[in-house]
C-alpha atoms as a PDB file:
ATOM      1  CA  UNK A   1       0.724 -11.448   5.133  1.00  0.00           C
ATOM      2  CA  UNK A   2      -0.872 -14.526   3.845  1.00  0.00           C
ATOM      3  CA  UNK A   3      -1.357 -15.176   0.356  1.00  0.00           C
ATOM      4  CA  UNK A   4      -4.894 -13.895  -0.837  1.00  0.00           C
ATOM      5  CA  UNK A   5      -7.092 -17.092  -1.545  1.00  0.00           C
ATOM      6  CA  UNK A   6     -10.368 -15.215  -1.425  1.00  0.00           C
ATOM      7  CA  UNK A   7     -12.200 -11.914  -1.690  1.00  0.00           C
ATOM      8  CA  UNK A   8     -12.826 -12.154   1.962  1.00  0.00           C
ATOM      9  CA  UNK A   9      -9.186 -12.888   2.639  1.00  0.00           C
ATOM     10  CA  UNK A  10      -8.293  -9.713   0.621  1.00  0.00           C
ATOM     11  CA  UNK A  11     -10.903  -7.632   2.585  1.00  0.00           C
ATOM     12  CA  UNK A  12     -10.059  -8.964   5.896  1.00  0.00           C
ATOM     13  CA  UNK A  13      -6.049  -8.404   5.410  1.00  0.00           C
ATOM     14  CA  UNK A  14      -6.555  -5.155   3.728  1.00  0.00           C
ATOM     15  CA  UNK A  15      -8.509  -3.477   6.656  1.00  0.00           C
ATOM     16  CA  UNK A  16      -5.498  -3.668   9.402  1.00  0.00           C
ATOM     17  CA  UNK A  17      -2.917  -3.258   6.578  1.00  0.00           C
ATOM     18  CA  UNK A  18      -4.607   0.141   5.832  1.00  0.00           C
ATOM     19  CA  UNK A  19      -5.050   0.822   9.559  1.00  0.00           C
ATOM     20  CA  UNK A  20      -1.313   0.436   9.975  1.00  0.00           C
ATOM     21  CA  UNK A  21      -0.424   2.951   7.239  1.00  0.00           C
ATOM     22  CA  UNK A  22      -3.128   5.335   8.604  1.00  0.00           C
ATOM     23  CA  UNK A  23      -1.482   5.244  12.169  1.00  0.00           C
ATOM     24  CA  UNK A  24       2.070   5.874  10.407  1.00  0.00           C
ATOM     25  CA  UNK A  25       0.731   8.381   8.095  1.00  0.00           C
ATOM     26  CA  UNK A  26      -0.747  10.523  10.984  1.00  0.00           C
ATOM     27  CA  UNK A  27       2.989  10.906  12.425  1.00  0.00           C
ATOM     28  CA  UNK A  28       3.795  13.066   9.174  1.00  0.00           C
ATOM     29  CA  UNK A  29       1.695  15.947  10.685  1.00  0.00           C
ATOM     30  CA  UNK A  30       4.881  16.547  12.620  1.00  0.00           C
ATOM     31  CA  UNK A  31       7.222  16.689   9.386  1.00  0.00           C
ATOM     32  CA  UNK A  32       9.072  19.983   8.434  1.00  0.00           C
ATOM     33  CA  UNK A  33       8.462  19.196   4.814  1.00  0.00           C
ATOM     34  CA  UNK A  34       4.993  20.330   3.406  1.00  0.00           C
ATOM     35  CA  UNK A  35       5.250  17.673   0.995  1.00  0.00           C
ATOM     36  CA  UNK A  36       5.149  14.907   3.498  1.00  0.00           C
ATOM     37  CA  UNK A  37       2.416  16.560   5.376  1.00  0.00           C
ATOM     38  CA  UNK A  38       0.306  16.456   2.324  1.00  0.00           C
ATOM     39  CA  UNK A  39       1.248  12.841   1.684  1.00  0.00           C
ATOM     40  CA  UNK A  40       0.544  11.864   4.979  1.00  0.00           C
ATOM     41  CA  UNK A  41      -2.825  13.560   5.162  1.00  0.00           C
ATOM     42  CA  UNK A  42      -3.572  12.041   1.610  1.00  0.00           C
ATOM     43  CA  UNK A  43      -2.963   8.710   2.939  1.00  0.00           C
ATOM     44  CA  UNK A  44      -4.826   9.105   5.964  1.00  0.00           C
ATOM     45  CA  UNK A  45      -8.188  10.625   4.030  1.00  0.00           C
ATOM     46  CA  UNK A  46      -7.901   7.921   1.221  1.00  0.00           C
ATOM     47  CA  UNK A  47      -7.408   4.924   3.496  1.00  0.00           C
ATOM     48  CA  UNK A  48      -9.748   5.907   6.121  1.00  0.00           C
ATOM     49  CA  UNK A  49     -12.459   6.060   3.592  1.00  0.00           C
ATOM     50  CA  UNK A  50     -11.408   2.846   2.274  1.00  0.00           C
ATOM     51  CA  UNK A  51     -11.373   1.071   5.686  1.00  0.00           C
ATOM     52  CA  UNK A  52     -14.991   2.122   5.813  1.00  0.00           C
ATOM     53  CA  UNK A  53     -15.709   0.669   2.418  1.00  0.00           C
ATOM     54  CA  UNK A  54     -14.242  -2.444   3.318  1.00  0.00           C
ATOM     55  CA  UNK A  55     -15.723  -2.762   6.572  1.00  0.00           C
ATOM     56  CA  UNK A  56     -19.174  -2.350   5.050  1.00  0.00           C
ATOM     57  CA  UNK A  57     -18.679  -5.031   2.440  1.00  0.00           C
ATOM     58  CA  UNK A  58     -17.284  -7.394   5.284  1.00  0.00           C
ATOM     59  CA  UNK A  59     -20.329  -6.765   7.253  1.00  0.00           C
ATOM     60  CA  UNK A  60     -22.776  -6.788   4.170  1.00  0.00           C
ATOM     61  CA  UNK A  61     -21.423 -10.031   2.490  1.00  0.00           C
ATOM     62  CA  UNK A  62     -19.329 -11.772   5.121  1.00  0.00           C
ATOM     63  CA  UNK A  63     -21.145 -11.259   8.418  1.00  0.00           C
ATOM     64  CA  UNK A  64     -20.577 -14.820   9.449  1.00  0.00           C
ATOM     65  CA  UNK A  65     -16.752 -14.611   8.864  1.00  0.00           C
ATOM     66  CA  UNK A  66     -14.301 -13.550  11.613  1.00  0.00           C
ATOM     67  CA  UNK A  67     -13.668 -10.054  12.017  1.00  0.00           C
ATOM     68  CA  UNK A  68     -10.470  -8.447  10.553  1.00  0.00           C
ATOM     69  CA  UNK A  69      -7.307  -8.589  13.228  1.00  0.00           C
ATOM     70  CA  UNK A  70      -4.303  -6.905  13.282  1.00  0.00           C
ATOM     71  CA  UNK A  71      -1.514  -8.502  11.348  1.00  0.00           C
ATOM     72  CA  UNK A  72       2.281  -8.512  11.920  1.00  0.00           C
ATOM     73  CA  UNK A  73       3.487  -4.807  11.833  1.00  0.00           C
ATOM     74  CA  UNK A  74       5.631  -3.948   8.958  1.00  0.00           C
ATOM     75  CA  UNK A  75       5.871  -0.138  10.114  1.00  0.00           C
ATOM     76  CA  UNK A  76       8.086   1.057  12.836  1.00  0.00           C
ATOM     77  CA  UNK A  77       6.919   3.160  15.591  1.00  0.00           C
ATOM     78  CA  UNK A  78       7.555   6.655  14.402  1.00  0.00           C
ATOM     79  CA  UNK A  79       6.308   8.589  17.399  1.00  0.00           C
ATOM     80  CA  UNK A  80      10.038   9.178  18.794  1.00  0.00           C
ATOM     81  CA  UNK A  81      11.478  10.607  15.521  1.00  0.00           C
ATOM     82  CA  UNK A  82      11.580  13.907  14.258  1.00  0.00           C
ATOM     83  CA  UNK A  83      12.878  15.995  10.946  1.00  0.00           C
ATOM     84  CA  UNK A  84      14.550  14.102   8.325  1.00  0.00           C
ATOM     85  CA  UNK A  85      14.691  11.133  10.151  1.00  0.00           C
ATOM     86  CA  UNK A  86      10.950  11.035  10.722  1.00  0.00           C
ATOM     87  CA  UNK A  87      10.650  11.435   6.835  1.00  0.00           C
ATOM     88  CA  UNK A  88      13.440   8.897   5.778  1.00  0.00           C
ATOM     89  CA  UNK A  89      12.254   6.012   8.114  1.00  0.00           C
ATOM     90  CA  UNK A  90       8.608   6.820   6.990  1.00  0.00           C
ATOM     91  CA  UNK A  91       9.513   6.421   3.327  1.00  0.00           C
ATOM     92  CA  UNK A  92      11.647   3.629   3.777  1.00  0.00           C
ATOM     93  CA  UNK A  93       8.976   1.605   5.411  1.00  0.00           C
ATOM     94  CA  UNK A  94       5.833   2.930   3.552  1.00  0.00           C
ATOM     95  CA  UNK A  95       7.247   1.978   0.391  1.00  0.00           C
ATOM     96  CA  UNK A  96       7.525  -1.817   0.948  1.00  0.00           C
ATOM     97  CA  UNK A  97       3.996  -1.184   2.991  1.00  0.00           C
ATOM     98  CA  UNK A  98       2.506  -0.034  -0.050  1.00  0.00           C
ATOM     99  CA  UNK A  99       4.089  -2.755  -2.321  1.00  0.00           C
ATOM    100  CA  UNK A 100       2.585  -5.396  -0.194  1.00  0.00           C
ATOM    101  CA  UNK A 101      -0.995  -3.707  -0.853  1.00  0.00           C
ATOM    102  CA  UNK A 102      -0.417  -3.686  -4.482  1.00  0.00           C
ATOM    103  CA  UNK A 103       0.826  -7.457  -4.432  1.00  0.00           C
ATOM    104  CA  UNK A 104      -2.347  -8.250  -2.464  1.00  0.00           C
ATOM    105  CA  UNK A 105      -4.534  -6.560  -4.973  1.00  0.00           C
ATOM    106  CA  UNK A 106      -2.623  -8.041  -7.901  1.00  0.00           C
ATOM    107  CA  UNK A 107      -3.218 -11.771  -6.078  1.00  0.00           C
ATOM    108  CA  UNK A 108      -6.723 -11.196  -5.872  1.00  0.00           C
ATOM    109  CA  UNK A 109      -7.207  -9.669  -9.264  1.00  0.00           C
ATOM    110  CA  UNK A 110      -5.096 -12.804 -10.978  1.00  0.00           C
ATOM    111  CA  UNK A 111      -6.941 -15.240  -9.335  1.00  0.00           C
ATOM    112  CA  UNK A 112     -10.338 -16.157  -9.694  1.00  0.00           C
ATOM    113  CA  UNK A 113     -11.296 -14.948  -6.512  1.00  0.00           C
ATOM    114  CA  UNK A 114     -13.343 -11.840  -7.124  1.00  0.00           C
ATOM    115  CA  UNK A 115     -17.251 -12.305  -6.121  1.00  0.00           C
ATOM    116  CA  UNK A 116     -18.474  -8.638  -6.507  1.00  0.00           C
ATOM    117  CA  UNK A 117     -17.260  -6.454  -8.919  1.00  0.00           C
ATOM    118  CA  UNK A 118     -17.048  -3.479  -6.455  1.00  0.00           C
ATOM    119  CA  UNK A 119     -14.065  -5.375  -4.779  1.00  0.00           C
ATOM    120  CA  UNK A 120     -12.519  -5.868  -8.134  1.00  0.00           C
ATOM    121  CA  UNK A 121     -12.603  -2.026  -8.860  1.00  0.00           C
ATOM    122  CA  UNK A 122     -11.476  -1.201  -5.674  1.00  0.00           C
ATOM    123  CA  UNK A 123      -8.515  -3.425  -5.926  1.00  0.00           C
ATOM    124  CA  UNK A 124      -7.531  -1.870  -9.011  1.00  0.00           C
ATOM    125  CA  UNK A 125      -7.724   1.613  -7.659  1.00  0.00           C
ATOM    126  CA  UNK A 126      -5.471   0.525  -4.418  1.00  0.00           C
ATOM    127  CA  UNK A 127      -3.112  -0.956  -7.014  1.00  0.00           C
ATOM    128  CA  UNK A 128      -2.978   2.156  -9.021  1.00  0.00           C
ATOM    129  CA  UNK A 129      -3.068   4.870  -6.426  1.00  0.00           C
ATOM    130  CA  UNK A 130      -0.559   3.240  -4.125  1.00  0.00           C
ATOM    131  CA  UNK A 131       1.902   2.428  -7.086  1.00  0.00           C
ATOM    132  CA  UNK A 132       1.685   6.306  -7.910  1.00  0.00           C
ATOM    133  CA  UNK A 133       2.472   7.161  -4.100  1.00  0.00           C
ATOM    134  CA  UNK A 134       5.511   4.525  -4.376  1.00  0.00           C
ATOM    135  CA  UNK A 135       6.641   6.557  -7.264  1.00  0.00           C
ATOM    136  CA  UNK A 136       6.431   9.847  -5.433  1.00  0.00           C
ATOM    137  CA  UNK A 137       7.831   8.197  -2.275  1.00  0.00           C
ATOM    138  CA  UNK A 138      10.987   6.895  -4.370  1.00  0.00           C
ATOM    139  CA  UNK A 139      11.405  10.434  -5.879  1.00  0.00           C
ATOM    140  CA  UNK A 140      11.376  11.997  -2.379  1.00  0.00           C
ATOM    141  CA  UNK A 141      13.852   9.276  -1.091  1.00  0.00           C
ATOM    142  CA  UNK A 142      16.190  10.364  -4.038  1.00  0.00           C
ATOM    143  CA  UNK A 143      15.772  13.870  -4.146  1.00  0.00           C
ATOM    144  CA  UNK A 144      16.156  14.355  -0.305  1.00  0.00           C
ATOM    145  CA  UNK A 145      18.209  11.641   1.151  1.00  0.00           C
ATOM    146  CA  UNK A 146      19.962  10.333  -2.126  1.00  0.00           C
ATOM    147  CA  UNK A 147      18.728   6.891  -1.715  1.00  0.00           C
ATOM    148  CA  UNK A 148      19.727   5.069  -4.748  1.00  0.00           C
ATOM    149  CA  UNK A 149      18.432   1.737  -3.910  1.00  0.00           C
ATOM    150  CA  UNK A 150      14.586   0.579  -3.460  1.00  0.00           C
ATOM    151  CA  UNK A 151      13.912  -0.324   0.009  1.00  0.00           C
ATOM    152  CA  UNK A 152      13.431  -4.387  -0.032  1.00  0.00           C
ATOM    153  CA  UNK A 153       9.806  -5.320  -0.892  1.00  0.00           C
ATOM    154  CA  UNK A 154       8.200  -8.325   0.737  1.00  0.00           C
ATOM    155  CA  UNK A 155       8.293 -11.628  -0.949  1.00  0.00           C
ATOM    156  CA  UNK A 156       4.480 -13.144  -1.259  1.00  0.00           C
ATOM    157  CA  UNK A 157       4.671 -16.759  -2.239  1.00  0.00           C
ATOM    158  CA  UNK A 158       2.632 -17.211  -5.606  1.00  0.00           C
ATOM    159  CA  UNK A 159       3.119 -13.636  -6.631  1.00  0.00           C
ATOM    160  CA  UNK A 160       4.673 -13.407  -9.917  1.00  0.00           C
ATOM    161  CA  UNK A 161       7.036 -10.518 -10.793  1.00  0.00           C
ATOM    162  CA  UNK A 162       5.207  -7.269 -11.687  1.00  0.00           C
ATOM    163  CA  UNK A 163       6.677  -5.859 -14.884  1.00  0.00           C
ATOM    164  CA  UNK A 164       5.451  -2.541 -16.442  1.00  0.00           C
ATOM    165  CA  UNK A 165       2.082  -1.013 -15.857  1.00  0.00           C
ATOM    166  CA  UNK A 166       0.731   0.625 -19.094  1.00  0.00           C
ATOM    167  CA  UNK A 167      -0.734   3.889 -18.738  1.00  0.00           C
ATOM    168  CA  UNK A 168       1.389   5.217 -16.026  1.00  0.00           C
ATOM    169  CA  UNK A 169       4.254   7.640 -16.728  1.00  0.00           C
ATOM    170  CA  UNK A 170       7.570   6.300 -15.474  1.00  0.00           C
ATOM    171  CA  UNK A 171       9.008   7.776 -12.288  1.00  0.00           C
ATOM    172  CA  UNK A 172      12.608   8.258 -11.836  1.00  0.00           C
ATOM    173  CA  UNK A 173      14.454   4.898 -12.303  1.00  0.00           C
ATOM    174  CA  UNK A 174      16.255   3.825  -9.031  1.00  0.00           C
ATOM    175  CA  UNK A 175      18.733   1.194 -10.021  1.00  0.00           C
ATOM    176  CA  UNK A 176      17.525  -2.321  -8.337  1.00  0.00           C
ATOM    177  CA  UNK A 177      13.801  -1.091  -8.168  1.00  0.00           C
ATOM    178  CA  UNK A 178      11.218  -3.368  -9.576  1.00  0.00           C
ATOM    179  CA  UNK A 179       9.390  -2.477 -12.523  1.00  0.00           C
ATOM    180  CA  UNK A 180       5.643  -1.152 -12.376  1.00  0.00           C
ATOM    181  CA  UNK A 181       2.935  -3.968 -11.723  1.00  0.00           C
ATOM    182  CA  UNK A 182       1.056  -5.154 -14.624  1.00  0.00           C
ATOM    183  CA  UNK A 183      -2.671  -4.557 -14.567  1.00  0.00           C
ATOM    184  CA  UNK A 184      -5.095  -7.549 -14.426  1.00  0.00           C
ATOM    185  CA  UNK A 185      -8.659  -7.979 -14.814  1.00  0.00           C
ATOM    186  CA  UNK A 186      -9.052  -4.746 -16.498  1.00  0.00           C
END
């Protein structure tokens, strides 16, 4: 992931990022856990709609710019996994994947890069919704697999630490896990 230096950069990087999450989340249809199937379906439904929205904005506002292209993958192939191995691997990799989207959204909102209020609202929604999913996924890792540590999160140059997010009830505290991100531009 490259630092977010413009609204176009945010949208063009978020499209393939979301597509990667959709591909991975579809694998959860095979999960033995109803909670994981529901989580997977929620990610597929939400992020598919968001990809459509972002593609529309890119076409409307940035038609002359290069189309989004796949970035370096952060999700492993899950098709050969099953049972708890599928669920645990998904959670261990989707948490940092979501954290990257949260950080990308924060970079856009903290900078003076938003050109359209719709994109600012969208970035806030991505940040807040994915943080809620991170809390759920952390809870699943702890409850089902005894995972006490947070899977590593990506380092994004120029991205400050993300302390507390007001208005969100805290999830179970996992030692070594980062605090919630701070809203910006709200």
